[in-house]
C-alpha atoms as a PDB file:
ATOM      1  CA  MET A   1       1.236  25.508  11.383  1.00  0.00           C
ATOM      2  CA  ALA A   2      -1.036  28.546  10.813  1.00  0.00           C
ATOM      3  CA  LYS A   3      -2.809  29.184   7.240  1.00  0.00           C
ATOM      4  CA  GLN A   4      -4.586  32.076   6.169  1.00  0.00           C
ATOM      5  CA  MET A   5      -6.760  32.276   2.566  1.00  0.00           C
ATOM      6  CA  VAL A   6      -7.267  35.406   0.351  1.00  0.00           C
ATOM      7  CA  GLU A   7      -9.640  34.916  -2.323  1.00  0.00           C
ATOM      8  CA  ALA A   8     -10.119  37.237  -5.148  1.00  0.00           C
ATOM      9  CA  LEU A   9     -11.195  37.526  -8.278  1.00  0.00           C
ATOM     10  CA  VAL A  10      -8.517  38.910 -11.260  1.00  0.00           C
ATOM     11  CA  GLU A  11      -8.550  39.749 -15.142  1.00  0.00           C
ATOM     12  CA  GLY A  12      -6.680  36.670 -16.364  1.00  0.00           C
ATOM     13  CA  GLY A  13      -2.783  36.765 -16.747  1.00  0.00           C
ATOM     14  CA  LYS A  14      -2.980  40.190 -15.424  1.00  0.00           C
ATOM     15  CA  ALA A  15      -3.282  40.405 -11.645  1.00  0.00           C
ATOM     16  CA  THR A  16      -0.720  42.963  -9.718  1.00  0.00           C
ATOM     17  CA  ALA A  17       0.320  43.944  -7.015  1.00  0.00           C
ATOM     18  CA  ALA A  18      -2.996  46.489  -6.302  1.00  0.00           C
ATOM     19  CA  PRO A  19      -6.000  45.665  -4.710  1.00  0.00           C
ATOM     20  CA  PRO A  20      -7.175  43.307  -4.127  1.00  0.00           C
ATOM     21  CA  LEU A  21      -4.611  41.162  -3.849  1.00  0.00           C
ATOM     22  CA  GLY A  22      -1.624  43.263  -2.480  1.00  0.00           C
ATOM     23  CA  PRO A  23      -3.456  45.042   0.429  1.00  0.00           C
ATOM     24  CA  ALA A  24      -4.590  41.235   1.474  1.00  0.00           C
ATOM     25  CA  LEU A  25      -1.334  39.514   0.636  1.00  0.00           C
ATOM     26  CA  GLY A  26       0.913  42.581   2.406  1.00  0.00           C
ATOM     27  CA  PRO A  27       0.016  41.562   5.915  1.00  0.00           C
ATOM     28  CA  LEU A  28       0.726  37.813   5.591  1.00  0.00           C
ATOM     29  CA  GLY A  29       4.375  38.449   4.380  1.00  0.00           C
ATOM     30  CA  VAL A  30       4.750  36.083   1.535  1.00  0.00           C
ATOM     31  CA  ASN A  31       6.519  37.106  -1.748  1.00  0.00           C
ATOM     32  CA  ILE A  32       3.874  38.974  -2.889  1.00  0.00           C
ATOM     33  CA  GLY A  33       5.782  39.133  -6.524  1.00  0.00           C
ATOM     34  CA  GLN A  34       5.967  35.623  -7.030  1.00  0.00           C
ATOM     35  CA  VAL A  35       2.208  35.020  -5.981  1.00  0.00           C
ATOM     36  CA  VAL A  36       1.168  37.709  -8.745  1.00  0.00           C
ATOM     37  CA  SER A  37       3.686  36.276 -11.556  1.00  0.00           C
ATOM     38  CA  GLU A  38       2.307  32.633 -10.679  1.00  0.00           C
ATOM     39  CA  ILE A  39      -1.151  33.673 -10.982  1.00  0.00           C
ATOM     40  CA  ASN A  40      -0.482  35.688 -14.540  1.00  0.00           C
ATOM     41  CA  LYS A  41       1.169  32.121 -15.942  1.00  0.00           C
ATOM     42  CA  LYS A  42      -1.968  29.840 -14.159  1.00  0.00           C
ATOM     43  CA  THR A  43      -4.509  32.249 -15.723  1.00  0.00           C
ATOM     44  CA  GLU A  44      -2.737  33.233 -19.099  1.00  0.00           C
ATOM     45  CA  ASP A  45      -5.481  31.348 -20.982  1.00  0.00           C
ATOM     46  CA  PHE A  46      -8.502  33.469 -19.563  1.00  0.00           C
ATOM     47  CA  LYS A  47      -7.006  36.725 -21.243  1.00  0.00           C
ATOM     48  CA  GLY A  48      -9.898  39.031 -21.090  1.00  0.00           C
ATOM     49  CA  MET A  49     -12.109  37.141 -18.095  1.00  0.00           C
ATOM     50  CA  GLN A  50     -12.767  37.375 -14.578  1.00  0.00           C
ATOM     51  CA  VAL A  51     -11.489  34.365 -13.168  1.00  0.00           C
ATOM     52  CA  PRO A  52     -11.882  33.596  -9.375  1.00  0.00           C
ATOM     53  CA  VAL A  53      -8.291  32.912  -7.295  1.00  0.00           C
ATOM     54  CA  LYS A  54      -7.707  31.407  -3.779  1.00  0.00           C
ATOM     55  CA  VAL A  55      -4.182  31.666  -2.468  1.00  0.00           C
ATOM     56  CA  VAL A  56      -3.556  29.688   0.809  1.00  0.00           C
ATOM     57  CA  VAL A  57      -0.479  31.395   2.697  1.00  0.00           C
ATOM     58  CA  ASN A  58       1.505  29.344   5.417  1.00  0.00           C
ATOM     59  CA  THR A  59       2.140  32.198   7.785  1.00  0.00           C
ATOM     60  CA  ASP A  60       5.049  30.360   9.325  1.00  0.00           C
ATOM     61  CA  ASP A  61       7.526  29.780   6.492  1.00  0.00           C
ATOM     62  CA  LYS A  62       5.726  32.045   4.150  1.00  0.00           C
ATOM     63  CA  SER A  63       5.226  29.771   1.735  1.00  0.00           C
ATOM     64  CA  PHE A  64       1.588  29.512  -0.320  1.00  0.00           C
ATOM     65  CA  SER A  65      -0.270  27.678  -3.482  1.00  0.00           C
ATOM     66  CA  ILE A  66      -2.523  28.857  -5.598  1.00  0.00           C
ATOM     67  CA  THR A  67      -5.959  27.345  -6.937  1.00  0.00           C
ATOM     68  CA  ILE A  68      -7.673  28.694  -9.998  1.00  0.00           C
ATOM     69  CA  GLY A  69     -10.920  28.605 -10.337  1.00  0.00           C
ATOM     70  CA  THR A  70     -12.663  28.784 -14.300  1.00  0.00           C
ATOM     71  CA  PRO A  71     -15.000  31.216 -15.522  1.00  0.00           C
ATOM     72  CA  PRO A  72     -18.441  29.719 -16.511  1.00  0.00           C
ATOM     73  CA  ALA A  73     -18.516  27.696 -20.198  1.00  0.00           C
ATOM     74  CA  SER A  74     -20.862  30.046 -21.323  1.00  0.00           C
ATOM     75  CA  ALA A  75     -17.981  32.687 -20.655  1.00  0.00           C
ATOM     76  CA  LEU A  76     -15.178  30.323 -22.260  1.00  0.00           C
ATOM     77  CA  ILE A  77     -17.665  29.495 -25.598  1.00  0.00           C
ATOM     78  CA  LYS A  78     -17.992  33.432 -25.640  1.00  0.00           C
ATOM     79  CA  LYS A  79     -14.481  33.915 -26.007  1.00  0.00           C
ATOM     80  CA  GLU A  80     -13.088  31.316 -28.487  1.00  0.00           C
ATOM     81  CA  ALA A  81     -15.997  32.129 -30.669  1.00  0.00           C
ATOM     82  CA  ASN A  82     -15.404  35.923 -30.120  1.00  0.00           C
ATOM     83  CA  ILE A  83     -18.964  36.941 -29.517  1.00  0.00           C
ATOM     84  CA  GLU A  84     -20.034  39.438 -26.730  1.00  0.00           C
ATOM     85  CA  LYS A  85     -23.361  37.555 -26.277  1.00  0.00           C
ATOM     86  CA  GLY A  86     -25.436  34.212 -27.587  1.00  0.00           C
ATOM     87  CA  SER A  87     -28.237  34.249 -29.614  1.00  0.00           C
ATOM     88  CA  GLY A  88     -31.316  35.697 -28.373  1.00  0.00           C
ATOM     89  CA  SER A  89     -32.825  32.881 -31.023  1.00  0.00           C
ATOM     90  CA  PRO A  90     -30.788  30.200 -30.511  1.00  0.00           C
ATOM     91  CA  LEU A  91     -33.539  27.758 -32.700  1.00  0.00           C
ATOM     92  CA  MET A  92     -33.533  30.424 -35.749  1.00  0.00           C
ATOM     93  CA  ASP A  93     -30.603  32.426 -35.379  1.00  0.00           C
ATOM     94  CA  LYS A  94     -26.931  31.352 -35.376  1.00  0.00           C
ATOM     95  CA  VAL A  95     -24.115  33.795 -34.221  1.00  0.00           C
ATOM     96  CA  ALA A  96     -21.020  31.693 -34.505  1.00  0.00           C
ATOM     97  CA  ASP A  97     -19.484  28.021 -35.496  1.00  0.00           C
ATOM     98  CA  LEU A  98     -16.584  26.578 -33.469  1.00  0.00           C
ATOM     99  CA  ARG A  99     -14.717  23.638 -34.384  1.00  0.00           C
ATOM    100  CA  ILE A 100     -14.097  20.567 -32.361  1.00  0.00           C
ATOM    101  CA  GLU A 101     -10.870  21.656 -31.062  1.00  0.00           C
ATOM    102  CA  GLN A 102     -11.638  24.433 -29.367  1.00  0.00           C
ATOM    103  CA  ILE A 103     -14.725  22.275 -27.563  1.00  0.00           C
ATOM    104  CA  ILE A 104     -12.072  20.028 -26.188  1.00  0.00           C
ATOM    105  CA  LYS A 105     -10.145  23.483 -25.344  1.00  0.00           C
ATOM    106  CA  ILE A 106     -12.850  24.428 -23.177  1.00  0.00           C
ATOM    107  CA  ALA A 107     -13.501  20.699 -22.261  1.00  0.00           C
ATOM    108  CA  LYS A 108     -10.201  20.322 -20.802  1.00  0.00           C
ATOM    109  CA  MET A 109     -10.464  24.148 -18.963  1.00  0.00           C
ATOM    110  CA  LYS A 110     -13.436  22.689 -17.249  1.00  0.00           C
ATOM    111  CA  GLN A 111     -12.726  19.495 -16.779  1.00  0.00           C
ATOM    112  CA  ASP A 112     -13.038  19.784 -12.934  1.00  0.00           C
ATOM    113  CA  ALA A 113     -16.577  21.577 -13.250  1.00  0.00           C
ATOM    114  CA  LEU A 114     -17.999  19.590 -15.766  1.00  0.00           C
ATOM    115  CA  MET A 115     -20.684  16.217 -14.704  1.00  0.00           C
ATOM    116  CA  GLY A 116     -18.648  14.065 -17.289  1.00  0.00           C
ATOM    117  CA  ARG A 117     -16.596  10.966 -16.458  1.00  0.00           C
ATOM    118  CA  ASP A 118     -14.190  11.072 -19.196  1.00  0.00           C
ATOM    119  CA  LEU A 119     -13.299  13.300 -21.787  1.00  0.00           C
ATOM    120  CA  PHE A 120     -16.417  12.491 -24.627  1.00  0.00           C
ATOM    121  CA  ALA A 121     -18.570  13.089 -22.105  1.00  0.00           C
ATOM    122  CA  ARG A 122     -17.337  16.593 -21.192  1.00  0.00           C
ATOM    123  CA  VAL A 123     -16.891  17.648 -24.886  1.00  0.00           C
ATOM    124  CA  LYS A 124     -20.444  16.864 -25.297  1.00  0.00           C
ATOM    125  CA  GLU A 125     -21.612  18.709 -22.322  1.00  0.00           C
ATOM    126  CA  VAL A 126     -19.419  21.513 -23.652  1.00  0.00           C
ATOM    127  CA  ILE A 127     -21.648  21.256 -26.909  1.00  0.00           C
ATOM    128  CA  GLY A 128     -25.041  21.194 -25.127  1.00  0.00           C
ATOM    129  CA  THR A 129     -24.117  24.614 -24.034  1.00  0.00           C
ATOM    130  CA  CYS A 130     -23.475  25.964 -27.630  1.00  0.00           C
ATOM    131  CA  ASP A 131     -27.006  24.669 -28.653  1.00  0.00           C
ATOM    132  CA  SER A 132     -28.332  26.651 -25.984  1.00  0.00           C
ATOM    133  CA  MET A 133     -26.337  29.529 -27.245  1.00  0.00           C
ATOM    134  CA  GLY A 134     -27.395  29.769 -30.709  1.00  0.00           C
ATOM    135  CA  ILE A 135     -23.508  28.283 -31.802  1.00  0.00           C
ATOM    136  CA  LEU A 136     -23.238  25.683 -34.075  1.00  0.00           C
ATOM    137  CA  VAL A 137     -20.230  23.203 -34.135  1.00  0.00           C
ATOM    138  CA  GLU A 138     -18.489  21.712 -37.325  1.00  0.00           C
ATOM    139  CA  GLY A 139     -21.226  23.403 -39.253  1.00  0.00           C
ATOM    140  CA  LYS A 140     -24.016  21.626 -37.816  1.00  0.00           C
ATOM    141  CA  GLN A 141     -26.711  21.875 -35.208  1.00  0.00           C
ATOM    142  CA  ALA A 142     -24.832  21.504 -31.937  1.00  0.00           C
ATOM    143  CA  ARG A 143     -27.594  18.552 -31.123  1.00  0.00           C
ATOM    144  CA  GLU A 144     -26.515  16.830 -34.473  1.00  0.00           C
ATOM    145  CA  THR A 145     -22.703  16.958 -33.621  1.00  0.00           C
ATOM    146  CA  ILE A 146     -23.278  14.817 -30.490  1.00  0.00           C
ATOM    147  CA  ALA A 147     -24.820  12.802 -32.317  1.00  0.00           C
ATOM    148  CA  ASP A 148     -22.138  12.489 -34.925  1.00  0.00           C
ATOM    149  CA  ILE A 149     -19.411  12.030 -31.305  1.00  0.00           C
ATOM    150  CA  ASN A 150     -21.931   9.287 -30.543  1.00  0.00           C
ATOM    151  CA  LYS A 151     -21.469   7.510 -34.284  1.00  0.00           C
ATOM    152  CA  GLY A 152     -17.559   7.542 -33.526  1.00  0.00           C
ATOM    153  CA  MET A 153     -17.067  10.820 -35.524  1.00  0.00           C
ATOM    154  CA  HIS A 154     -14.346  13.175 -34.247  1.00  0.00           C
ATOM    155  CA  ALA A 155     -12.935  10.494 -31.997  1.00  0.00           C
ATOM    156  CA  GLU A 156      -9.199  11.379 -33.017  1.00  0.00           C
ATOM    157  CA  GLU A 157      -9.340  14.614 -32.544  1.00  0.00           C
ATOM    158  CA  ILE A 158     -10.746  13.723 -28.718  1.00  0.00           C
ATOM    159  CA  LYS A 159      -8.750  11.189 -27.917  1.00  0.00           C
ATOM    160  CA  ALA A 160      -5.485  13.112 -28.998  1.00  0.00           C
ATOM    161  CA  GLU A 161      -6.914  16.265 -27.050  1.00  0.00           C
ATOM    162  CA  LYS A 162      -6.256  18.311 -30.099  1.00  0.00           C
ATOM    163  CA  THR A 163      -6.842  22.038 -29.014  1.00  0.00           C
ATOM    164  CA  GLU A 164      -4.942  24.021 -31.308  1.00  0.00           C
ATOM    165  CA  LEU A 165      -6.346  25.790 -34.913  1.00  0.00           C
ATOM    166  CA  SER A 166      -4.557  27.069 -37.890  1.00  0.00           C
ATOM    167  CA  ALA A 167      -4.217  30.723 -38.796  1.00  0.00           C
ATOM    168  CA  GLU A 168      -6.547  29.453 -41.885  1.00  0.00           C
ATOM    169  CA  GLU A 169      -8.874  27.493 -40.027  1.00  0.00           C
ATOM    170  CA  LEU A 170      -9.508  30.565 -37.353  1.00  0.00           C
ATOM    171  CA  LYS A 171      -9.920  32.989 -40.540  1.00  0.00           C
ATOM    172  CA  ALA A 172     -12.469  30.526 -41.639  1.00  0.00           C
ATOM    173  CA  LEU A 173     -14.426  30.568 -38.793  1.00  0.00           C
ATOM    174  CA  GLU A 174     -14.210  34.566 -38.668  1.00  0.00           C
ATOM    175  CA  GLU A 175     -15.570  34.501 -42.383  1.00  0.00           C
ATOM    176  CA  GLU A 176     -18.518  31.960 -41.282  1.00  0.00           C
ATOM    177  CA  LYS A 177     -19.153  34.353 -38.136  1.00  0.00           C
ATOM    178  CA  LYS A 178     -19.733  37.091 -40.672  1.00  0.00           C
ATOM    179  CA  ARG A 179     -21.740  35.267 -42.826  1.00  0.00           C
ATOM    180  CA  LEU A 180     -23.904  34.090 -40.025  1.00  0.00           C
ATOM    181  CA  GLU A 181     -24.315  37.569 -38.812  1.00  0.00           C
ATOM    182  CA  GLU A 182     -26.058  38.664 -42.569  1.00  0.00           C
ATOM    183  CA  GLU A 183     -27.785  35.748 -42.494  1.00  0.00           C
ATOM    184  CA  THR A 184     -29.771  37.114 -39.135  1.00  0.00           C
ATOM    185  CA  LYS A 185     -29.691  40.306 -40.581  1.00  0.00           C
ATOM    186  CA  LYS A 186     -31.879  39.248 -43.888  1.00  0.00           C
ATOM    187  CA  ARG A 187     -33.869  37.279 -41.916  1.00  0.00           C
ATOM    188  CA  ARG A 188     -34.815  39.852 -39.198  1.00  0.00           C
ATOM    189  CA  GLU A 189     -35.287  42.589 -41.964  1.00  0.00           C
ATOM    190  CA  GLU A 190     -37.610  40.268 -44.239  1.00  0.00           C
ATOM    191  CA  PHE A 191     -39.404  39.147 -41.205  1.00  0.00           C
ATOM    192  CA  LEU A 192     -40.492  42.903 -40.042  1.00  0.00           C
ATOM    193  CA  ALA A 193     -41.049  43.789 -43.837  1.00  0.00           C
ATOM    194  CA  LYS A 194     -43.323  40.783 -43.930  1.00  0.00           C
ATOM    195  CA  GLY A 195     -45.366  42.043 -40.667  1.00  0.00           C
ATOM    196  CA  LYS A 196     -45.286  45.702 -41.948  1.00  0.00           C
ATOM    197  CA  THR A 197     -46.990  44.408 -45.027  1.00  0.00           C
ATOM    198  CA  ILE A 198     -49.733  42.204 -42.971  1.00  0.00           C
ATOM    199  CA  LEU A 199     -50.164  45.599 -40.652  1.00  0.00           C
ATOM    200  CA  ALA A 200     -50.858  47.619 -44.342  1.00  0.00           C
ATOM    201  CA  GLU A 201     -53.375  45.086 -46.006  1.00  0.00           C
ATOM    202  CA  MET A 202     -55.470  45.105 -42.160  1.00  0.00           C
ATOM    203  CA  ALA A 203     -55.787  48.725 -41.922  1.00  0.00           C
ATOM    204  CA  GLY A 204     -59.593  50.263 -41.946  1.00  0.00           C
ATOM    205  CA  LYS A 205     -60.248  46.697 -41.537  1.00  0.00           C
ATOM    206  CA  ALA A 206     -62.901  45.405 -38.380  1.00  0.00           C
ATOM    207  CA  LYS A 207     -60.557  43.756 -35.488  1.00  0.00           C
ATOM    208  CA  GLY A 208     -61.314  40.148 -35.684  1.00  0.00           C
END
């Protein structure tokens, strides 16, 4: 039984028969449309992100299997938070706030790549990544939310593997993100103003 493997990066939910998949799969005699359709179903949750895909084709009977990789946890976090990048000063400036349901969703997507033995451990692992990106979880510093989980908070949601948020909850998160952006902007403006004042006071004075 001869097998050949094709690996490619595709945009989640938007794979086509064009390169890189089509030209690689064509010579193997497999049903390209069927392969593309299955890839799009499996990668639908990763829309807007590049996803590693592996297609193994049995060249004897033209059957195939598809393995989908996942983007880095940081990319999934940015997607859930609807931001382009994390904070440049994560201890000081916060750029977004996520709910525990969104963390659970990411932990489930990355379950094969994370070190945690169970969902509780994987959730805390994802929250740790949020901490390094300047992203709050449940309105708190990420490390505080990890402490809450250790005390038994959010156990119900994690056990139930809850991943969905209501439209109202999503709207509230977007408003919170805007508030955090305004806070960061105000803090930077105050810092710059203070710096200018100090420089003005020092003008003409001997250094040291």
